[in-house]
C-alpha atoms as a PDB file:
ATOM      1  CA  MET A   1      24.599  29.117 143.329  1.00  0.00           C
ATOM      2  CA  PRO A   2      24.856  28.616 139.523  1.00  0.00           C
ATOM      3  CA  LYS A   3      28.195  28.488 137.787  1.00  0.00           C
ATOM      4  CA  GLN A   4      29.552  31.684 136.276  1.00  0.00           C
ATOM      5  CA  LYS A   5      30.044  31.676 132.525  1.00  0.00           C
ATOM      6  CA  THR A   6      33.312  32.626 130.869  1.00  0.00           C
ATOM      7  CA  HIS A   7      32.965  35.204 128.093  1.00  0.00           C
ATOM      8  CA  LYS A   8      34.279  33.337 125.045  1.00  0.00           C
ATOM      9  CA  GLY A   9      35.384  36.486 123.192  1.00  0.00           C
ATOM     10  CA  ALA A  10      37.424  37.602 126.187  1.00  0.00           C
ATOM     11  CA  ARG A  11      38.893  34.119 126.558  1.00  0.00           C
ATOM     12  CA  ALA A  12      40.111  34.226 122.949  1.00  0.00           C
ATOM     13  CA  ARG A  13      41.526  37.754 123.124  1.00  0.00           C
ATOM     14  CA  LEU A  14      43.024  37.942 126.605  1.00  0.00           C
ATOM     15  CA  GLY A  15      45.685  35.961 128.375  1.00  0.00           C
ATOM     16  CA  ILE A  16      46.487  35.677 132.060  1.00  0.00           C
ATOM     17  CA  THR A  17      50.084  35.394 133.222  1.00  0.00           C
ATOM     18  CA  GLY A  18      51.304  33.266 136.083  1.00  0.00           C
ATOM     19  CA  THR A  19      51.385  36.334 138.322  1.00  0.00           C
ATOM     20  CA  GLY A  20      47.760  37.182 137.465  1.00  0.00           C
ATOM     21  CA  LYS A  21      48.230  40.052 135.024  1.00  0.00           C
ATOM     22  CA  ILE A  22      45.682  40.254 132.211  1.00  0.00           C
ATOM     23  CA  MET A  23      47.461  40.714 128.890  1.00  0.00           C
ATOM     24  CA  ARG A  24      45.971  41.940 125.619  1.00  0.00           C
ATOM     25  CA  ARG A  25      47.081  42.283 122.023  1.00  0.00           C
ATOM     26  CA  LYS A  26      48.144  45.700 120.729  1.00  0.00           C
ATOM     27  CA  SER A  27      45.832  47.643 118.438  1.00  0.00           C
ATOM     28  CA  HIS A  28      46.389  48.809 114.820  1.00  0.00           C
ATOM     29  CA  VAL A  29      48.223  45.590 113.930  1.00  0.00           C
ATOM     30  CA  ASN A  30      46.473  44.573 110.717  1.00  0.00           C
ATOM     31  CA  ASN A  31      45.867  47.864 108.928  1.00  0.00           C
ATOM     32  CA  PHE A  32      48.456  49.581 106.649  1.00  0.00           C
ATOM     33  CA  ARG A  33      51.312  47.265 107.510  1.00  0.00           C
ATOM     34  CA  ARG A  34      53.444  48.485 104.582  1.00  0.00           C
ATOM     35  CA  LYS A  35      53.504  52.063 105.869  1.00  0.00           C
ATOM     36  CA  LYS A  36      54.631  51.140 109.360  1.00  0.00           C
ATOM     37  CA  HIS A  37      58.276  51.134 110.337  1.00  0.00           C
ATOM     38  CA  ARG A  38      60.005  47.819 110.982  1.00  0.00           C
ATOM     39  CA  ARG A  39      60.529  48.721 114.661  1.00  0.00           C
ATOM     40  CA  VAL A  40      56.804  49.401 115.097  1.00  0.00           C
ATOM     41  CA  LYS A  41      55.852  46.129 113.432  1.00  0.00           C
ATOM     42  CA  GLY A  42      58.230  44.286 115.732  1.00  0.00           C
ATOM     43  CA  GLN A  43      56.571  45.844 118.765  1.00  0.00           C
ATOM     44  CA  PHE A  44      53.245  44.311 117.723  1.00  0.00           C
ATOM     45  CA  ASP A  45      54.586  40.897 118.750  1.00  0.00           C
ATOM     46  CA  GLU A  46      54.564  41.920 122.412  1.00  0.00           C
ATOM     47  CA  MET A  47      51.461  41.740 124.583  1.00  0.00           C
ATOM     48  CA  MET A  48      50.372  44.713 126.715  1.00  0.00           C
ATOM     49  CA  GLU A  49      48.926  44.659 130.187  1.00  0.00           C
ATOM     50  CA  VAL A  50      45.272  45.699 130.434  1.00  0.00           C
ATOM     51  CA  HIS A  51      44.797  49.201 131.852  1.00  0.00           C
ATOM     52  CA  PRO A  52      43.952  49.274 135.583  1.00  0.00           C
ATOM     53  CA  SER A  53      40.640  51.058 134.945  1.00  0.00           C
ATOM     54  CA  VAL A  54      39.452  48.114 132.803  1.00  0.00           C
ATOM     55  CA  ARG A  55      41.023  45.290 134.815  1.00  0.00           C
ATOM     56  CA  ARG A  56      38.024  44.708 137.095  1.00  0.00           C
ATOM     57  CA  ARG A  57      35.621  44.365 134.150  1.00  0.00           C
ATOM     58  CA  MET A  58      37.953  41.910 132.431  1.00  0.00           C
ATOM     59  CA  ARG A  59      38.158  39.822 135.617  1.00  0.00           C
ATOM     60  CA  ARG A  60      34.347  39.511 135.578  1.00  0.00           C
ATOM     61  CA  LEU A  61      34.474  38.199 132.018  1.00  0.00           C
ATOM     62  CA  LEU A  62      37.054  35.577 133.021  1.00  0.00           C
ATOM     63  CA  PRO A  63      35.849  34.272 136.399  1.00  0.00           C
ATOM     64  CA  TYR A  64      37.996  31.123 136.329  1.00  0.00           C
ATOM     65  CA  GLY A  65      41.178  32.700 134.985  1.00  0.00           C
ATOM     66  CA  ARG A  66      43.759  32.604 137.748  1.00  0.00           C
END
């Protein structure tokens, strides 16, 4: 059986926690920063968990992420 390949774009954009959750960056971070409230800009620092409907596809892209 050949080795599975890790999707390099997914590897750069996603992180996997110690408990196995797949975390992603929030959207709308780079555009119109001046108009956004300070509280909103602070929330961009936090990572979000990937939605359950997408989780299985993300796992396929990262076969060796534990």
